[in-house]
């Protein structure tokens, strides 16, 4: 079984307002990310920073919301929070990558690799798939270190699926290196 973890606990400091609630088309970034992930994985864990508006933005979706009370630590706390709430393989995605598609998420899960990462801006990053064998390493992440640390530690077995569209940065509409 694969659980999709949609990381959404960021404080949007660069943008200056909750980017999770930015509208793309006719839905919020958080809703879009959760909807796409839901199309791919049978279980979704959405991790907001606890804001009621974030919960409200996904109320019509069949998702599990886990509050990250340690969100101030950085992205590692959100990853740990999501991993603790799941069992089996993990599809890790961000709510602020508006060009990610369900087809790309499906390809990551279907890759048959122990780790499958998205290739963009010269890096291998998220969205990414991790087999259950790597849950311990994801749980060991600390501070503002994201899943790229696990990906880089296992480059010899990582399958990279090119997807330059993942580089779009919602904070300033420019390509960025995201964890």
N, C-alpha and C. Protein backbone atom coordinates (compact mmCIF):
# COMPACT_ATOMS: atom_id res chain seq x y z
N UNK A 1 0.84 -1.18 0.00
CA UNK A 1 0.00 0.00 0.00
C UNK A 1 0.89 1.24 0.00
N UNK A 2 0.47 2.24 -0.75
CA UNK A 2 1.19 3.51 -0.80
C UNK A 2 0.36 4.60 -0.16
N UNK A 3 1.00 5.35 0.72
CA UNK A 3 0.38 6.53 1.32
C UNK A 3 1.01 7.76 0.70
N UNK A 4 0.19 8.69 0.27
CA UNK A 4 0.70 9.96 -0.24
C UNK A 4 0.72 10.96 0.91
N UNK A 5 1.85 11.58 1.09
CA UNK A 5 1.99 12.63 2.10
C UNK A 5 2.13 13.95 1.35
N UNK A 6 1.17 14.83 1.56
CA UNK A 6 1.20 16.15 0.93
C UNK A 6 1.72 17.13 1.98
N UNK A 7 2.93 17.61 1.78
CA UNK A 7 3.53 18.54 2.74
C UNK A 7 2.92 19.92 2.54
N UNK A 8 2.32 20.43 3.62
CA UNK A 8 1.59 21.70 3.51
C UNK A 8 1.70 22.54 4.77
N UNK A 9 2.72 22.31 5.58
CA UNK A 9 2.81 23.01 6.87
C UNK A 9 3.69 24.25 6.83
N UNK A 10 4.18 24.62 5.67
CA UNK A 10 5.06 25.79 5.58
C UNK A 10 4.37 27.08 5.96
N UNK A 11 5.17 28.05 6.35
CA UNK A 11 4.63 29.33 6.81
C UNK A 11 4.61 30.40 5.73
N UNK A 12 5.07 30.09 4.53
CA UNK A 12 5.01 31.01 3.38
C UNK A 12 5.65 32.35 3.67
N UNK A 13 6.78 32.35 4.32
CA UNK A 13 7.43 33.61 4.70
C UNK A 13 7.83 34.44 3.49
N UNK A 14 8.35 33.80 2.44
CA UNK A 14 8.76 34.56 1.26
C UNK A 14 7.56 35.17 0.54
N UNK A 15 6.47 34.44 0.45
CA UNK A 15 5.29 34.94 -0.24
C UNK A 15 4.54 35.96 0.60
N UNK A 16 4.54 35.77 1.91
CA UNK A 16 3.88 36.72 2.80
C UNK A 16 2.42 36.43 3.09
N UNK A 17 1.91 35.34 2.56
CA UNK A 17 0.53 34.89 2.83
C UNK A 17 0.51 33.38 2.62
N UNK A 18 -0.49 32.69 3.14
CA UNK A 18 -0.50 31.22 3.04
C UNK A 18 -0.56 30.73 1.59
N UNK A 19 0.55 30.26 1.08
CA UNK A 19 0.57 29.81 -0.31
C UNK A 19 -0.33 28.60 -0.51
N UNK A 20 -0.57 27.83 0.55
CA UNK A 20 -1.45 26.68 0.44
C UNK A 20 -2.84 27.08 -0.05
N UNK A 21 -3.22 28.33 0.21
CA UNK A 21 -4.56 28.81 -0.16
C UNK A 21 -4.57 29.63 -1.45
N UNK A 22 -3.42 29.74 -2.11
CA UNK A 22 -3.38 30.42 -3.41
C UNK A 22 -4.25 29.63 -4.39
N UNK A 23 -4.95 30.34 -5.24
CA UNK A 23 -5.87 29.71 -6.19
C UNK A 23 -5.16 29.45 -7.51
N UNK A 24 -5.26 28.22 -7.96
CA UNK A 24 -4.77 27.82 -9.27
C UNK A 24 -5.98 27.24 -9.99
N UNK A 25 -6.38 27.87 -11.08
CA UNK A 25 -7.61 27.44 -11.75
C UNK A 25 -8.77 27.77 -10.84
N UNK A 26 -9.46 26.74 -10.37
CA UNK A 26 -10.61 26.98 -9.49
C UNK A 26 -10.46 26.31 -8.13
N UNK A 27 -9.20 26.03 -7.73
CA UNK A 27 -8.99 25.38 -6.44
C UNK A 27 -7.70 25.87 -5.81
N UNK A 28 -7.58 25.67 -4.50
CA UNK A 28 -6.37 26.08 -3.81
C UNK A 28 -5.23 25.12 -4.16
N UNK A 29 -4.01 25.59 -3.93
CA UNK A 29 -2.85 24.73 -4.15
C UNK A 29 -2.95 23.46 -3.31
N UNK A 30 -3.36 23.61 -2.06
CA UNK A 30 -3.47 22.45 -1.18
C UNK A 30 -4.52 21.47 -1.70
N UNK A 31 -5.67 21.98 -2.10
CA UNK A 31 -6.73 21.12 -2.62
C UNK A 31 -6.25 20.39 -3.87
N UNK A 32 -5.59 21.11 -4.75
CA UNK A 32 -5.10 20.52 -6.00
C UNK A 32 -4.11 19.40 -5.71
N UNK A 33 -3.14 19.67 -4.84
CA UNK A 33 -2.13 18.66 -4.52
C UNK A 33 -2.77 17.43 -3.89
N UNK A 34 -3.69 17.64 -2.97
CA UNK A 34 -4.36 16.51 -2.31
C UNK A 34 -5.24 15.74 -3.30
N UNK A 35 -5.92 16.45 -4.17
CA UNK A 35 -6.77 15.79 -5.17
C UNK A 35 -5.94 14.92 -6.11
N UNK A 36 -4.82 15.48 -6.61
CA UNK A 36 -3.97 14.71 -7.52
C UNK A 36 -3.38 13.49 -6.81
N UNK A 37 -2.92 13.69 -5.59
CA UNK A 37 -2.35 12.57 -4.83
C UNK A 37 -3.41 11.50 -4.58
N UNK A 38 -4.62 11.93 -4.31
CA UNK A 38 -5.73 11.00 -4.05
C UNK A 38 -6.04 10.16 -5.28
N UNK A 39 -5.81 10.71 -6.46
CA UNK A 39 -6.02 9.96 -7.70
C UNK A 39 -5.01 8.83 -7.84
N UNK A 40 -3.88 8.95 -7.16
CA UNK A 40 -2.76 8.03 -7.33
C UNK A 40 -2.65 7.03 -6.18
N UNK A 41 -2.85 7.48 -4.97
CA UNK A 41 -2.64 6.64 -3.78
C UNK A 41 -3.95 6.46 -3.03
N UNK A 42 -4.16 5.27 -2.46
CA UNK A 42 -5.41 5.02 -1.76
C UNK A 42 -5.56 5.77 -0.44
N UNK A 43 -4.44 6.18 0.13
CA UNK A 43 -4.48 6.88 1.42
C UNK A 43 -3.74 8.19 1.28
N UNK A 44 -4.31 9.26 1.79
CA UNK A 44 -3.68 10.56 1.73
C UNK A 44 -3.56 11.11 3.14
N UNK A 45 -2.38 11.62 3.44
CA UNK A 45 -2.18 12.33 4.69
C UNK A 45 -1.81 13.75 4.30
N UNK A 46 -2.62 14.71 4.69
CA UNK A 46 -2.32 16.11 4.44
C UNK A 46 -1.85 16.71 5.75
N UNK A 47 -0.74 17.42 5.70
CA UNK A 47 -0.19 17.94 6.94
C UNK A 47 -0.19 19.46 6.94
N UNK A 48 -1.21 20.08 7.48
CA UNK A 48 -1.21 21.53 7.60
C UNK A 48 -0.59 21.96 8.93
N UNK A 49 -0.33 23.24 9.05
CA UNK A 49 0.24 23.76 10.29
C UNK A 49 -0.84 23.97 11.34
N UNK A 50 -2.03 23.52 11.09
CA UNK A 50 -3.10 23.62 12.06
C UNK A 50 -4.12 24.71 11.78
N UNK A 51 -3.92 25.47 10.72
CA UNK A 51 -4.85 26.55 10.41
C UNK A 51 -6.19 25.99 9.96
N UNK A 52 -7.29 26.44 10.56
CA UNK A 52 -8.62 25.95 10.17
C UNK A 52 -8.92 26.17 8.68
N UNK A 53 -8.41 27.24 8.09
CA UNK A 53 -8.67 27.49 6.68
C UNK A 53 -8.03 26.42 5.79
N UNK A 54 -6.91 25.88 6.21
CA UNK A 54 -6.29 24.81 5.43
C UNK A 54 -7.15 23.55 5.47
N UNK A 55 -7.62 23.23 6.64
CA UNK A 55 -8.50 22.07 6.78
C UNK A 55 -9.77 22.26 5.94
N UNK A 56 -10.30 23.45 5.98
CA UNK A 56 -11.52 23.76 5.23
C UNK A 56 -11.30 23.59 3.72
N UNK A 57 -10.10 23.90 3.26
CA UNK A 57 -9.86 23.86 1.81
C UNK A 57 -9.83 22.44 1.24
N UNK A 58 -9.75 21.41 2.10
CA UNK A 58 -9.76 20.03 1.62
C UNK A 58 -10.91 19.22 2.20
N UNK A 59 -11.90 19.89 2.77
CA UNK A 59 -12.99 19.21 3.46
C UNK A 59 -13.79 18.28 2.56
N UNK A 60 -13.81 18.55 1.25
CA UNK A 60 -14.60 17.72 0.34
C UNK A 60 -13.83 16.51 -0.17
N UNK A 61 -12.59 16.36 0.23
CA UNK A 61 -11.78 15.23 -0.22
C UNK A 61 -11.67 14.17 0.87
N UNK A 62 -11.53 12.94 0.46
CA UNK A 62 -11.34 11.85 1.40
C UNK A 62 -9.86 11.80 1.78
N UNK A 63 -9.49 12.61 2.77
CA UNK A 63 -8.10 12.69 3.21
C UNK A 63 -8.05 12.61 4.73
N UNK A 64 -6.89 12.25 5.22
CA UNK A 64 -6.65 12.26 6.66
C UNK A 64 -5.75 13.45 6.94
N UNK A 65 -6.14 14.27 7.88
CA UNK A 65 -5.34 15.44 8.24
C UNK A 65 -4.64 15.16 9.55
N UNK A 66 -3.32 15.32 9.52
CA UNK A 66 -2.51 15.14 10.71
C UNK A 66 -1.87 16.48 11.01
N UNK A 67 -2.13 17.01 12.17
CA UNK A 67 -1.56 18.31 12.52
C UNK A 67 -0.11 18.17 12.94
N UNK A 68 0.73 18.96 12.33
CA UNK A 68 2.16 18.98 12.68
C UNK A 68 2.38 20.07 13.72
N UNK A 69 2.45 19.69 14.97
CA UNK A 69 2.64 20.67 16.03
C UNK A 69 4.07 21.17 16.11
N UNK A 70 4.98 20.53 15.37
CA UNK A 70 6.38 20.94 15.35
C UNK A 70 6.75 21.64 14.04
N UNK A 71 5.78 22.19 13.34
CA UNK A 71 6.01 22.77 12.01
C UNK A 71 7.10 23.83 12.00
N UNK A 72 7.29 24.53 13.11
CA UNK A 72 8.31 25.57 13.17
C UNK A 72 9.73 25.04 13.01
N UNK A 73 9.94 23.75 13.22
CA UNK A 73 11.27 23.15 13.08
C UNK A 73 11.73 23.17 11.62
N UNK A 74 10.81 22.98 10.71
CA UNK A 74 11.17 22.90 9.30
C UNK A 74 10.55 21.68 8.65
N UNK A 75 10.92 21.46 7.41
CA UNK A 75 10.29 20.43 6.59
C UNK A 75 10.45 19.03 7.16
N UNK A 76 11.55 18.75 7.84
CA UNK A 76 11.77 17.41 8.39
C UNK A 76 10.66 17.03 9.37
N UNK A 77 10.17 17.99 10.13
CA UNK A 77 9.10 17.67 11.10
C UNK A 77 7.82 17.26 10.37
N UNK A 78 7.54 17.86 9.25
CA UNK A 78 6.36 17.49 8.47
C UNK A 78 6.51 16.10 7.87
N UNK A 79 7.70 15.80 7.39
CA UNK A 79 7.95 14.47 6.83
C UNK A 79 7.78 13.42 7.93
N UNK A 80 8.38 13.65 9.09
CA UNK A 80 8.25 12.70 10.20
C UNK A 80 6.79 12.52 10.60
N UNK A 81 6.07 13.62 10.70
CA UNK A 81 4.66 13.59 11.10
C UNK A 81 3.85 12.74 10.12
N UNK A 82 4.08 12.91 8.84
CA UNK A 82 3.37 12.14 7.84
C UNK A 82 3.75 10.68 7.85
N UNK A 83 5.04 10.39 7.96
CA UNK A 83 5.51 9.00 7.96
C UNK A 83 4.96 8.25 9.17
N UNK A 84 4.89 8.92 10.31
CA UNK A 84 4.34 8.26 11.52
C UNK A 84 2.88 7.87 11.32
N UNK A 85 2.18 8.57 10.44
CA UNK A 85 0.76 8.32 10.23
C UNK A 85 0.48 7.30 9.12
N UNK A 86 1.53 6.71 8.56
CA UNK A 86 1.31 5.77 7.47
C UNK A 86 2.05 4.47 7.70
N UNK A 87 1.73 3.53 6.84
CA UNK A 87 2.43 2.25 6.82
C UNK A 87 2.64 1.90 5.36
N UNK A 88 3.72 1.26 5.07
CA UNK A 88 3.98 0.88 3.69
C UNK A 88 4.78 1.94 2.95
N UNK A 89 4.67 1.93 1.65
CA UNK A 89 5.41 2.85 0.80
C UNK A 89 4.85 4.27 0.90
N UNK A 90 5.70 5.25 0.53
CA UNK A 90 5.31 6.66 0.66
C UNK A 90 5.53 7.39 -0.66
N UNK A 91 4.53 8.14 -1.07
CA UNK A 91 4.65 9.10 -2.15
C UNK A 91 4.66 10.46 -1.49
N UNK A 92 5.78 11.15 -1.56
CA UNK A 92 5.94 12.44 -0.88
C UNK A 92 5.83 13.55 -1.91
N UNK A 93 4.93 14.48 -1.67
CA UNK A 93 4.73 15.59 -2.59
C UNK A 93 4.50 16.88 -1.82
N UNK A 94 4.63 18.00 -2.51
CA UNK A 94 4.47 19.32 -1.90
C UNK A 94 3.19 19.97 -2.41
N UNK A 95 2.59 20.81 -1.60
CA UNK A 95 1.38 21.48 -2.07
C UNK A 95 1.69 22.65 -2.98
N UNK A 96 2.95 23.09 -3.02
CA UNK A 96 3.25 24.32 -3.78
C UNK A 96 4.00 24.07 -5.10
N UNK A 97 3.73 22.94 -5.72
CA UNK A 97 4.27 22.65 -7.05
C UNK A 97 3.09 22.52 -8.02
N UNK A 98 2.61 23.66 -8.53
CA UNK A 98 1.36 23.67 -9.30
C UNK A 98 1.40 22.96 -10.64
N UNK A 99 2.57 22.61 -11.13
CA UNK A 99 2.62 21.95 -12.44
C UNK A 99 2.79 20.44 -12.35
N UNK A 100 2.82 19.92 -11.15
CA UNK A 100 2.89 18.47 -10.97
C UNK A 100 1.56 17.88 -11.46
N UNK A 101 1.65 16.72 -12.10
CA UNK A 101 0.46 16.07 -12.65
C UNK A 101 0.25 14.70 -11.99
N UNK A 102 -0.98 14.24 -12.07
CA UNK A 102 -1.28 12.89 -11.57
C UNK A 102 -0.51 11.86 -12.37
N UNK A 103 -0.32 12.09 -13.66
CA UNK A 103 0.43 11.15 -14.49
C UNK A 103 1.87 11.02 -13.99
N UNK A 104 2.48 12.13 -13.60
CA UNK A 104 3.85 12.06 -13.08
C UNK A 104 3.88 11.33 -11.74
N UNK A 105 2.93 11.60 -10.88
CA UNK A 105 2.87 10.91 -9.59
C UNK A 105 2.67 9.41 -9.79
N UNK A 106 1.82 9.03 -10.75
CA UNK A 106 1.62 7.61 -11.05
C UNK A 106 2.91 6.97 -11.53
N UNK A 107 3.64 7.68 -12.38
CA UNK A 107 4.90 7.15 -12.91
C UNK A 107 5.91 6.91 -11.79
N UNK A 108 5.96 7.80 -10.80
CA UNK A 108 6.86 7.61 -9.67
C UNK A 108 6.51 6.33 -8.92
N UNK A 109 5.23 6.15 -8.63
CA UNK A 109 4.78 4.97 -7.88
C UNK A 109 5.01 3.70 -8.69
N UNK A 110 4.78 3.76 -9.99
CA UNK A 110 4.88 2.58 -10.85
C UNK A 110 6.31 2.27 -11.28
N UNK A 111 7.27 3.05 -10.88
CA UNK A 111 8.64 2.91 -11.37
C UNK A 111 9.33 1.60 -11.00
N UNK A 112 8.85 0.92 -10.00
CA UNK A 112 9.44 -0.32 -9.51
C UNK A 112 10.83 -0.11 -8.91
N UNK A 113 11.17 1.13 -8.62
CA UNK A 113 12.45 1.44 -7.97
C UNK A 113 12.21 1.60 -6.47
N UNK A 114 13.22 1.31 -5.64
CA UNK A 114 13.05 1.51 -4.20
C UNK A 114 12.88 2.99 -3.86
N UNK A 115 13.49 3.87 -4.66
CA UNK A 115 13.28 5.31 -4.55
C UNK A 115 13.16 5.84 -5.98
N UNK A 116 12.12 6.60 -6.23
CA UNK A 116 11.95 7.27 -7.53
C UNK A 116 11.76 8.74 -7.24
N UNK A 117 12.59 9.57 -7.87
CA UNK A 117 12.56 11.01 -7.60
C UNK A 117 12.29 11.78 -8.90
N UNK A 118 11.84 13.00 -8.74
CA UNK A 118 11.62 13.89 -9.87
C UNK A 118 12.91 14.63 -10.19
N UNK A 119 13.25 14.68 -11.47
CA UNK A 119 14.46 15.39 -11.88
C UNK A 119 14.11 16.75 -12.44
N UNK A 120 14.69 17.82 -11.82
CA UNK A 120 14.47 19.19 -12.29
C UNK A 120 15.58 20.09 -11.75
N UNK A 121 15.86 21.13 -12.51
CA UNK A 121 16.89 22.12 -12.11
C UNK A 121 18.20 21.47 -11.68
N UNK A 122 18.55 20.36 -12.30
CA UNK A 122 19.81 19.69 -11.99
C UNK A 122 19.82 18.88 -10.71
N UNK A 123 18.67 18.66 -10.10
CA UNK A 123 18.60 17.88 -8.86
C UNK A 123 17.61 16.73 -9.01
N UNK A 124 17.63 15.84 -8.05
CA UNK A 124 16.61 14.81 -7.91
C UNK A 124 15.89 15.14 -6.61
N UNK A 125 14.59 15.37 -6.69
CA UNK A 125 13.85 15.80 -5.51
C UNK A 125 12.42 15.31 -5.49
N UNK A 126 11.59 16.00 -4.74
CA UNK A 126 10.18 15.64 -4.64
C UNK A 126 9.38 16.39 -5.71
N UNK A 127 8.29 15.77 -6.11
CA UNK A 127 7.68 14.55 -5.63
C UNK A 127 8.63 13.37 -5.79
N UNK A 128 8.50 12.45 -4.82
CA UNK A 128 9.34 11.25 -4.85
C UNK A 128 8.59 10.10 -4.17
N UNK A 129 8.95 8.92 -4.62
CA UNK A 129 8.41 7.68 -4.05
C UNK A 129 9.50 7.01 -3.24
N UNK A 130 9.15 6.50 -2.06
CA UNK A 130 10.08 5.78 -1.20
C UNK A 130 9.43 4.46 -0.79
N UNK A 131 10.12 3.36 -1.03
CA UNK A 131 9.59 2.09 -0.54
C UNK A 131 9.67 2.11 0.99
N UNK A 132 8.91 1.24 1.60
CA UNK A 132 8.84 1.20 3.07
C UNK A 132 10.19 1.00 3.72
N UNK A 133 11.15 0.46 3.00
CA UNK A 133 12.50 0.24 3.54
C UNK A 133 13.18 1.53 3.97
N UNK A 134 12.69 2.68 3.48
CA UNK A 134 13.34 3.96 3.77
C UNK A 134 12.58 4.81 4.78
N UNK A 135 11.53 4.26 5.37
CA UNK A 135 10.76 5.03 6.35
C UNK A 135 11.62 5.44 7.54
N UNK A 136 12.48 4.57 7.99
CA UNK A 136 13.36 4.90 9.12
C UNK A 136 14.25 6.10 8.82
N UNK A 137 14.77 6.18 7.62
CA UNK A 137 15.62 7.31 7.24
C UNK A 137 14.81 8.60 7.14
N UNK A 138 13.59 8.49 6.65
CA UNK A 138 12.73 9.68 6.60
C UNK A 138 12.38 10.14 8.02
N UNK A 139 12.17 9.20 8.92
CA UNK A 139 11.87 9.53 10.32
C UNK A 139 13.08 10.15 11.03
N UNK A 140 14.26 9.90 10.53
CA UNK A 140 15.47 10.41 11.18
C UNK A 140 15.84 11.83 10.71
N UNK A 141 15.15 12.37 9.72
CA UNK A 141 15.46 13.72 9.24
C UNK A 141 15.21 14.74 10.35
N UNK A 142 16.04 15.77 10.37
CA UNK A 142 15.94 16.81 11.40
C UNK A 142 15.99 18.19 10.75
N UNK A 143 15.37 19.17 11.40
CA UNK A 143 15.46 20.57 11.00
C UNK A 143 14.84 20.86 9.64
N UNK A 144 15.54 21.65 8.85
CA UNK A 144 15.01 22.05 7.56
C UNK A 144 15.55 21.17 6.44
N UNK A 145 15.99 19.95 6.78
CA UNK A 145 16.47 19.00 5.78
C UNK A 145 15.30 18.19 5.28
N UNK A 146 15.13 18.18 3.98
CA UNK A 146 14.02 17.44 3.39
C UNK A 146 14.44 16.08 2.87
N UNK A 147 13.55 15.49 2.12
CA UNK A 147 13.75 14.13 1.62
C UNK A 147 14.90 14.02 0.64
N UNK A 148 15.35 15.13 0.09
CA UNK A 148 16.48 15.07 -0.84
C UNK A 148 17.71 14.47 -0.17
N UNK A 149 17.83 14.65 1.13
CA UNK A 149 18.96 14.06 1.86
C UNK A 149 18.94 12.53 1.73
N UNK A 150 17.78 11.93 1.83
CA UNK A 150 17.66 10.47 1.68
C UNK A 150 17.91 10.08 0.23
N UNK A 151 17.37 10.85 -0.70
CA UNK A 151 17.58 10.58 -2.13
C UNK A 151 19.07 10.59 -2.45
N UNK A 152 19.77 11.62 -2.02
CA UNK A 152 21.19 11.74 -2.32
C UNK A 152 22.02 10.63 -1.66
N UNK A 153 21.61 10.18 -0.50
CA UNK A 153 22.34 9.11 0.18
C UNK A 153 22.25 7.77 -0.56
N UNK A 154 21.28 7.66 -1.45
CA UNK A 154 21.04 6.40 -2.16
C UNK A 154 21.02 6.58 -3.67
N UNK A 155 21.79 7.53 -4.19
CA UNK A 155 21.78 7.84 -5.63
C UNK A 155 21.99 6.62 -6.50
N UNK A 156 22.72 5.63 -6.02
CA UNK A 156 23.01 4.45 -6.82
C UNK A 156 21.78 3.60 -7.11
N UNK A 157 20.71 3.76 -6.33
CA UNK A 157 19.49 2.97 -6.56
C UNK A 157 18.28 3.84 -6.89
N UNK A 158 18.46 5.14 -6.96
CA UNK A 158 17.35 6.06 -7.24
C UNK A 158 17.07 6.09 -8.74
N UNK A 159 15.83 5.97 -9.08
CA UNK A 159 15.41 6.18 -10.47
C UNK A 159 14.90 7.61 -10.56
N UNK A 160 15.49 8.40 -11.45
CA UNK A 160 15.09 9.80 -11.61
C UNK A 160 14.20 9.92 -12.85
N UNK A 161 13.01 10.44 -12.64
CA UNK A 161 12.08 10.69 -13.75
C UNK A 161 12.10 12.18 -14.05
N UNK A 162 12.60 12.58 -15.21
CA UNK A 162 12.68 14.00 -15.54
C UNK A 162 11.30 14.66 -15.49
N UNK A 163 11.24 15.81 -14.83
CA UNK A 163 9.99 16.57 -14.75
C UNK A 163 10.33 18.02 -14.39
N UNK A 164 10.84 18.76 -15.34
CA UNK A 164 11.29 20.14 -15.10
C UNK A 164 10.18 21.03 -14.54
N UNK A 165 8.94 20.69 -14.83
CA UNK A 165 7.82 21.51 -14.36
C UNK A 165 7.75 21.58 -12.83
N UNK A 166 8.36 20.64 -12.15
CA UNK A 166 8.34 20.64 -10.68
C UNK A 166 9.17 21.77 -10.09
N UNK A 167 9.99 22.42 -10.91
CA UNK A 167 10.87 23.48 -10.42
C UNK A 167 10.16 24.81 -10.20
N UNK A 168 8.93 24.96 -10.65
CA UNK A 168 8.23 26.24 -10.48
C UNK A 168 8.05 26.53 -9.00
N UNK A 169 8.45 27.73 -8.59
CA UNK A 169 8.38 28.16 -7.19
C UNK A 169 7.21 29.12 -7.03
N UNK A 170 6.22 28.72 -6.27
CA UNK A 170 5.03 29.54 -6.07
C UNK A 170 5.35 30.85 -5.35
N UNK A 171 6.39 30.83 -4.52
CA UNK A 171 6.72 32.03 -3.75
C UNK A 171 7.10 33.22 -4.62
N UNK A 172 7.76 32.95 -5.75
CA UNK A 172 8.16 34.08 -6.58
C UNK A 172 8.08 33.78 -8.07
N UNK A 173 7.35 32.71 -8.45
CA UNK A 173 7.15 32.32 -9.83
C UNK A 173 8.43 32.04 -10.60
N UNK A 174 9.49 31.64 -9.90
CA UNK A 174 10.73 31.32 -10.59
C UNK A 174 11.16 29.91 -10.24
N UNK A 175 11.99 29.28 -11.12
CA UNK A 175 12.47 27.95 -10.76
C UNK A 175 13.26 28.00 -9.46
N UNK A 176 13.13 26.97 -8.67
CA UNK A 176 13.84 26.91 -7.39
C UNK A 176 14.19 25.48 -7.09
N UNK A 177 15.14 25.29 -6.25
CA UNK A 177 15.51 23.96 -5.80
C UNK A 177 14.73 23.65 -4.55
N UNK A 178 13.76 22.81 -4.68
CA UNK A 178 12.91 22.45 -3.55
C UNK A 178 13.35 21.12 -2.99
N UNK A 179 13.19 20.97 -1.70
CA UNK A 179 13.43 19.67 -1.07
C UNK A 179 12.24 18.82 -1.41
